[in-house]
N, C-alpha and C. Protein backbone atom coordinates (compact mmCIF):
# COMPACT_ATOMS: atom_id res chain seq x y z
N UNK A 1 64.02 -31.60 44.00
CA UNK A 1 64.09 -31.04 45.33
C UNK A 1 63.78 -32.15 46.31
N UNK A 2 64.75 -32.62 47.04
CA UNK A 2 64.51 -33.72 47.99
C UNK A 2 63.79 -33.22 49.24
N UNK A 3 62.96 -34.07 49.77
CA UNK A 3 62.29 -33.78 51.01
C UNK A 3 62.86 -34.69 52.08
N UNK A 4 63.10 -34.17 53.25
CA UNK A 4 63.72 -34.94 54.35
C UNK A 4 62.69 -35.08 55.45
N UNK A 5 62.76 -36.24 56.10
CA UNK A 5 61.88 -36.49 57.25
C UNK A 5 62.28 -35.59 58.38
N UNK A 6 61.30 -34.98 59.02
CA UNK A 6 61.59 -34.11 60.15
C UNK A 6 61.76 -34.94 61.43
N UNK A 7 62.80 -34.58 62.20
CA UNK A 7 63.00 -35.22 63.47
C UNK A 7 62.14 -34.47 64.49
N UNK A 8 61.87 -35.12 65.65
CA UNK A 8 61.06 -34.48 66.66
C UNK A 8 61.71 -33.18 67.19
N UNK A 9 63.03 -33.10 67.11
CA UNK A 9 63.71 -31.84 67.58
C UNK A 9 63.74 -30.74 66.53
N UNK A 10 63.14 -31.02 65.35
CA UNK A 10 63.08 -29.99 64.30
C UNK A 10 64.11 -30.16 63.23
N UNK A 11 65.11 -30.96 63.43
CA UNK A 11 66.13 -31.25 62.44
C UNK A 11 65.66 -32.20 61.38
N UNK A 12 66.52 -32.51 60.45
CA UNK A 12 66.14 -33.46 59.43
C UNK A 12 67.05 -34.68 59.46
N UNK A 13 66.50 -35.79 59.02
CA UNK A 13 67.20 -37.04 59.12
C UNK A 13 67.92 -37.47 57.85
N UNK A 14 67.93 -36.64 56.84
CA UNK A 14 68.50 -37.00 55.60
C UNK A 14 67.48 -37.63 54.71
N UNK A 15 67.83 -38.13 53.55
CA UNK A 15 66.83 -38.72 52.64
C UNK A 15 66.00 -39.79 53.31
N UNK A 16 64.73 -39.78 52.95
CA UNK A 16 63.78 -40.74 53.54
C UNK A 16 64.01 -42.09 52.97
N UNK A 17 63.84 -43.12 53.80
CA UNK A 17 63.96 -44.52 53.34
C UNK A 17 62.61 -45.17 53.20
N UNK A 18 61.52 -44.39 53.27
CA UNK A 18 60.19 -44.93 53.11
C UNK A 18 59.31 -44.51 54.25
N UNK A 19 58.04 -44.71 54.14
CA UNK A 19 57.12 -44.34 55.16
C UNK A 19 56.76 -42.89 55.06
N UNK A 20 55.89 -42.41 55.95
CA UNK A 20 55.44 -41.04 55.92
C UNK A 20 56.59 -40.06 56.15
N UNK A 21 56.55 -38.98 55.43
CA UNK A 21 57.52 -37.91 55.55
C UNK A 21 56.81 -36.61 55.80
N UNK A 22 57.28 -35.84 56.75
CA UNK A 22 56.77 -34.52 57.04
C UNK A 22 57.50 -33.52 56.16
N UNK A 23 56.75 -32.75 55.40
CA UNK A 23 57.38 -31.74 54.51
C UNK A 23 57.39 -30.42 55.27
N UNK A 24 58.55 -29.83 55.38
CA UNK A 24 58.69 -28.52 56.04
C UNK A 24 58.92 -27.48 54.96
N UNK A 25 58.07 -26.45 54.97
CA UNK A 25 58.17 -25.37 54.03
C UNK A 25 58.16 -24.03 54.77
N UNK A 26 59.07 -23.16 54.45
CA UNK A 26 59.06 -21.86 55.03
C UNK A 26 57.78 -21.14 54.63
N UNK A 27 57.14 -20.40 55.54
CA UNK A 27 55.89 -19.74 55.18
C UNK A 27 55.98 -18.86 53.94
N UNK A 28 57.07 -18.17 53.77
CA UNK A 28 57.22 -17.31 52.60
C UNK A 28 57.37 -18.01 51.29
N UNK A 29 57.60 -19.33 51.32
CA UNK A 29 57.78 -20.11 50.09
C UNK A 29 56.60 -21.02 49.77
N UNK A 30 55.57 -20.98 50.59
CA UNK A 30 54.39 -21.85 50.39
C UNK A 30 53.77 -21.62 49.03
N UNK A 31 53.52 -20.37 48.67
CA UNK A 31 52.85 -20.12 47.41
C UNK A 31 53.71 -20.45 46.21
N UNK A 32 55.00 -20.22 46.29
CA UNK A 32 55.86 -20.55 45.13
C UNK A 32 55.96 -22.08 44.99
N UNK A 33 56.01 -22.83 46.08
CA UNK A 33 56.01 -24.29 46.03
C UNK A 33 54.72 -24.78 45.45
N UNK A 34 53.60 -24.22 45.91
CA UNK A 34 52.28 -24.59 45.39
C UNK A 34 52.24 -24.38 43.89
N UNK A 35 52.70 -23.25 43.42
CA UNK A 35 52.68 -22.94 41.97
C UNK A 35 53.53 -23.95 41.21
N UNK A 36 54.68 -24.27 41.74
CA UNK A 36 55.56 -25.25 41.05
C UNK A 36 54.90 -26.60 40.98
N UNK A 37 54.30 -27.03 42.11
CA UNK A 37 53.63 -28.34 42.09
C UNK A 37 52.42 -28.38 41.18
N UNK A 38 51.70 -27.25 41.10
CA UNK A 38 50.59 -27.15 40.17
C UNK A 38 51.05 -27.29 38.71
N UNK A 39 52.20 -26.64 38.40
CA UNK A 39 52.74 -26.73 37.05
C UNK A 39 53.15 -28.17 36.71
N UNK A 40 53.77 -28.82 37.65
CA UNK A 40 54.15 -30.25 37.42
C UNK A 40 52.92 -31.09 37.26
N UNK A 41 51.94 -30.95 38.15
CA UNK A 41 50.72 -31.72 38.07
C UNK A 41 50.01 -31.49 36.71
N UNK A 42 49.92 -30.25 36.32
CA UNK A 42 49.19 -29.95 35.05
C UNK A 42 49.96 -30.57 33.86
N UNK A 43 51.27 -30.50 33.91
CA UNK A 43 52.07 -31.07 32.85
C UNK A 43 51.89 -32.56 32.73
N UNK A 44 51.96 -33.24 33.87
CA UNK A 44 51.79 -34.72 33.87
C UNK A 44 50.35 -35.08 33.50
N UNK A 45 49.38 -34.34 34.00
CA UNK A 45 47.98 -34.65 33.70
C UNK A 45 47.72 -34.41 32.20
N UNK A 46 48.26 -33.37 31.61
CA UNK A 46 48.12 -33.14 30.18
C UNK A 46 48.76 -34.27 29.39
N UNK A 47 49.95 -34.70 29.82
CA UNK A 47 50.63 -35.82 29.10
C UNK A 47 49.77 -37.05 29.14
N UNK A 48 49.18 -37.34 30.31
CA UNK A 48 48.35 -38.53 30.43
C UNK A 48 47.14 -38.46 29.51
N UNK A 49 46.53 -37.28 29.38
CA UNK A 49 45.35 -37.13 28.54
C UNK A 49 45.75 -37.27 27.07
N UNK A 50 46.85 -36.64 26.70
CA UNK A 50 47.22 -36.60 25.27
C UNK A 50 47.93 -37.87 24.80
N UNK A 51 48.79 -38.43 25.65
CA UNK A 51 49.66 -39.49 25.21
C UNK A 51 49.46 -40.83 25.93
N UNK A 52 48.55 -40.89 26.89
CA UNK A 52 48.39 -42.08 27.67
C UNK A 52 48.06 -43.33 26.83
N UNK A 53 47.15 -43.14 25.88
CA UNK A 53 46.82 -44.32 25.04
C UNK A 53 47.96 -44.75 24.15
N UNK A 54 48.79 -43.81 23.69
CA UNK A 54 49.84 -44.19 22.79
C UNK A 54 50.96 -45.01 23.46
N UNK A 55 50.94 -45.03 24.82
CA UNK A 55 51.94 -45.81 25.53
C UNK A 55 51.66 -47.33 25.45
N UNK A 56 50.41 -47.66 25.19
CA UNK A 56 50.03 -49.05 25.08
C UNK A 56 50.47 -49.61 23.71
N UNK A 57 51.24 -50.62 23.71
CA UNK A 57 51.73 -51.23 22.41
C UNK A 57 50.64 -51.99 21.75
N UNK A 58 50.68 -51.95 20.45
CA UNK A 58 49.81 -52.76 19.61
C UNK A 58 50.67 -53.74 18.89
N UNK A 59 50.21 -54.94 18.63
CA UNK A 59 51.01 -55.92 17.90
C UNK A 59 51.45 -55.38 16.54
N UNK A 60 52.72 -55.58 16.20
CA UNK A 60 53.22 -55.17 14.90
C UNK A 60 52.76 -56.13 13.80
N UNK A 61 52.47 -57.33 14.22
CA UNK A 61 51.96 -58.39 13.29
C UNK A 61 51.00 -59.28 14.08
N UNK A 62 50.39 -60.23 13.46
CA UNK A 62 49.45 -61.11 14.12
C UNK A 62 50.04 -62.41 14.55
N UNK A 63 51.39 -62.52 14.49
CA UNK A 63 52.02 -63.78 14.97
C UNK A 63 52.01 -63.80 16.51
N UNK A 64 52.19 -64.98 17.03
CA UNK A 64 52.14 -65.21 18.48
C UNK A 64 53.10 -64.33 19.28
N UNK A 65 54.32 -64.22 18.78
CA UNK A 65 55.35 -63.47 19.48
C UNK A 65 54.99 -61.96 19.55
N UNK A 66 54.50 -61.41 18.45
CA UNK A 66 54.12 -60.03 18.38
C UNK A 66 52.94 -59.73 19.34
N UNK A 67 52.00 -60.61 19.30
CA UNK A 67 50.78 -60.45 20.12
C UNK A 67 51.14 -60.55 21.61
N UNK A 68 51.97 -61.53 21.98
CA UNK A 68 52.43 -61.63 23.36
C UNK A 68 53.25 -60.45 23.86
N UNK A 69 54.17 -59.99 22.98
CA UNK A 69 55.00 -58.82 23.31
C UNK A 69 54.14 -57.61 23.52
N UNK A 70 53.16 -57.38 22.64
CA UNK A 70 52.29 -56.21 22.77
C UNK A 70 51.47 -56.29 24.06
N UNK A 71 51.04 -57.49 24.40
CA UNK A 71 50.25 -57.66 25.63
C UNK A 71 51.12 -57.28 26.87
N UNK A 72 52.35 -57.75 26.88
CA UNK A 72 53.25 -57.47 28.01
C UNK A 72 53.55 -55.97 28.08
N UNK A 73 53.85 -55.38 26.93
CA UNK A 73 54.10 -53.93 26.91
C UNK A 73 52.86 -53.15 27.42
N UNK A 74 51.69 -53.58 26.99
CA UNK A 74 50.45 -52.92 27.41
C UNK A 74 50.26 -53.05 28.91
N UNK A 75 50.53 -54.22 29.47
CA UNK A 75 50.42 -54.41 30.92
C UNK A 75 51.39 -53.49 31.66
N UNK A 76 52.60 -53.38 31.17
CA UNK A 76 53.57 -52.48 31.82
C UNK A 76 53.13 -51.02 31.66
N UNK A 77 52.60 -50.69 30.52
CA UNK A 77 52.13 -49.33 30.31
C UNK A 77 50.97 -49.01 31.26
N UNK A 78 50.05 -50.00 31.40
CA UNK A 78 48.93 -49.77 32.33
C UNK A 78 49.42 -49.57 33.78
N UNK A 79 50.44 -50.37 34.14
CA UNK A 79 50.96 -50.17 35.51
C UNK A 79 51.60 -48.81 35.65
N UNK A 80 52.38 -48.41 34.65
CA UNK A 80 53.03 -47.10 34.68
C UNK A 80 51.97 -45.96 34.72
N UNK A 81 50.93 -46.10 33.95
CA UNK A 81 49.88 -45.10 33.94
C UNK A 81 49.14 -45.05 35.30
N UNK A 82 48.92 -46.18 35.92
CA UNK A 82 48.28 -46.23 37.24
C UNK A 82 49.14 -45.55 38.30
N UNK A 83 50.44 -45.84 38.28
CA UNK A 83 51.38 -45.18 39.21
C UNK A 83 51.44 -43.67 39.00
N UNK A 84 51.43 -43.29 37.72
CA UNK A 84 51.51 -41.85 37.40
C UNK A 84 50.20 -41.17 37.86
N UNK A 85 49.05 -41.81 37.73
CA UNK A 85 47.80 -41.26 38.18
C UNK A 85 47.79 -41.12 39.72
N UNK A 86 48.39 -42.09 40.41
CA UNK A 86 48.55 -42.01 41.87
C UNK A 86 49.46 -40.83 42.24
N UNK A 87 50.50 -40.60 41.45
CA UNK A 87 51.38 -39.48 41.68
C UNK A 87 50.60 -38.14 41.53
N UNK A 88 49.76 -38.05 40.50
CA UNK A 88 48.93 -36.83 40.35
C UNK A 88 47.98 -36.67 41.51
N UNK A 89 47.39 -37.77 41.99
CA UNK A 89 46.51 -37.71 43.13
C UNK A 89 47.24 -37.17 44.34
N UNK A 90 48.48 -37.68 44.55
CA UNK A 90 49.27 -37.17 45.72
C UNK A 90 49.63 -35.73 45.53
N UNK A 91 49.95 -35.30 44.35
CA UNK A 91 50.21 -33.87 44.09
C UNK A 91 48.93 -33.04 44.40
N UNK A 92 47.76 -33.54 44.02
CA UNK A 92 46.52 -32.86 44.37
C UNK A 92 46.36 -32.68 45.85
N UNK A 93 46.66 -33.74 46.58
CA UNK A 93 46.55 -33.66 48.05
C UNK A 93 47.52 -32.65 48.62
N UNK A 94 48.75 -32.68 48.13
CA UNK A 94 49.77 -31.78 48.61
C UNK A 94 49.42 -30.32 48.29
N UNK A 95 48.91 -30.08 47.09
CA UNK A 95 48.53 -28.75 46.69
C UNK A 95 47.39 -28.27 47.53
N UNK A 96 46.43 -29.16 47.82
CA UNK A 96 45.31 -28.79 48.67
C UNK A 96 45.83 -28.42 50.09
N UNK A 97 46.72 -29.17 50.60
CA UNK A 97 47.28 -28.86 51.92
C UNK A 97 48.05 -27.55 51.91
N UNK A 98 48.78 -27.27 50.85
CA UNK A 98 49.48 -25.99 50.75
C UNK A 98 48.47 -24.85 50.65
N UNK A 99 47.34 -25.05 49.99
CA UNK A 99 46.31 -24.03 49.92
C UNK A 99 45.77 -23.70 51.31
N UNK A 100 45.53 -24.75 52.07
CA UNK A 100 45.06 -24.57 53.46
C UNK A 100 46.09 -23.84 54.30
N UNK A 101 47.36 -24.21 54.14
CA UNK A 101 48.42 -23.55 54.84
C UNK A 101 48.51 -22.03 54.48
N UNK A 102 48.34 -21.78 53.14
CA UNK A 102 48.39 -20.41 52.70
C UNK A 102 47.26 -19.58 53.34
N UNK A 103 46.06 -20.18 53.42
CA UNK A 103 44.96 -19.49 54.09
C UNK A 103 45.27 -19.29 55.56
N UNK A 104 45.87 -20.26 56.22
CA UNK A 104 46.23 -20.13 57.61
C UNK A 104 47.16 -18.94 57.84
N UNK A 105 48.11 -18.82 56.93
CA UNK A 105 49.12 -17.74 57.04
C UNK A 105 48.64 -16.43 56.37
N UNK A 106 47.38 -16.46 55.91
CA UNK A 106 46.83 -15.30 55.18
C UNK A 106 47.67 -14.92 53.99
N UNK A 107 48.25 -15.91 53.31
CA UNK A 107 49.11 -15.63 52.18
C UNK A 107 48.30 -15.31 50.92
N UNK A 108 47.05 -15.64 50.93
CA UNK A 108 46.20 -15.38 49.76
C UNK A 108 46.18 -13.89 49.56
N UNK A 109 46.11 -13.10 50.60
CA UNK A 109 46.06 -11.66 50.48
C UNK A 109 47.37 -11.16 49.89
N UNK A 110 48.49 -11.80 50.22
CA UNK A 110 49.77 -11.45 49.65
C UNK A 110 49.79 -11.63 48.12
N UNK A 111 49.18 -12.74 47.68
CA UNK A 111 49.08 -12.97 46.26
C UNK A 111 48.27 -11.90 45.55
N UNK A 112 47.13 -11.56 46.15
CA UNK A 112 46.26 -10.53 45.54
C UNK A 112 47.00 -9.20 45.53
N UNK A 113 47.69 -8.85 46.56
CA UNK A 113 48.44 -7.58 46.60
C UNK A 113 49.52 -7.57 45.55
N UNK A 114 50.26 -8.66 45.40
CA UNK A 114 51.29 -8.75 44.39
C UNK A 114 50.72 -8.64 42.99
N UNK A 115 49.59 -9.30 42.74
CA UNK A 115 48.96 -9.24 41.43
C UNK A 115 48.51 -7.81 41.10
N UNK A 116 47.98 -7.14 42.06
CA UNK A 116 47.55 -5.73 41.83
C UNK A 116 48.77 -4.85 41.57
N UNK A 117 49.84 -5.06 42.30
CA UNK A 117 51.05 -4.23 42.12
C UNK A 117 51.59 -4.44 40.71
N UNK A 118 51.59 -5.73 40.26
CA UNK A 118 52.07 -6.03 38.90
C UNK A 118 51.23 -5.36 37.85
N UNK A 119 49.92 -5.35 38.05
CA UNK A 119 49.03 -4.70 37.06
C UNK A 119 49.28 -3.19 37.01
N UNK A 120 49.54 -2.61 38.15
CA UNK A 120 49.80 -1.16 38.20
C UNK A 120 51.08 -0.79 37.46
N UNK A 121 52.08 -1.76 37.45
CA UNK A 121 53.34 -1.52 36.79
C UNK A 121 53.28 -1.96 35.29
N UNK A 122 52.12 -2.47 34.88
CA UNK A 122 52.01 -2.92 33.50
C UNK A 122 52.66 -4.24 33.25
N UNK A 123 52.90 -5.04 34.30
CA UNK A 123 53.56 -6.32 34.15
C UNK A 123 52.56 -7.38 33.81
């Protein structure tokens, strides 16, 4: 789902080329976006916990080439893990902002009402 930078007149400028981007979300879709981002964050976080160490290469042998190759792969893995952790941090910030927006729009009550209605229907 691409996000487009908002223009001062409310329109969008197309795909962002870098720098800060204002995310525009319809009030009725705040909670579903928040839930989707939480699912992505949880999936990535779980992957990092379970598989993060296995991304770092270990030398297949003790010769110089194998040791150097493993070191380079490990450095690349460390960089990829750092970037992925920064991505999770940004997701946390976005989720937090969406939570604040939901409270502003009193959407939390909508979630509670929906949950109660589903329980009454046996869902």
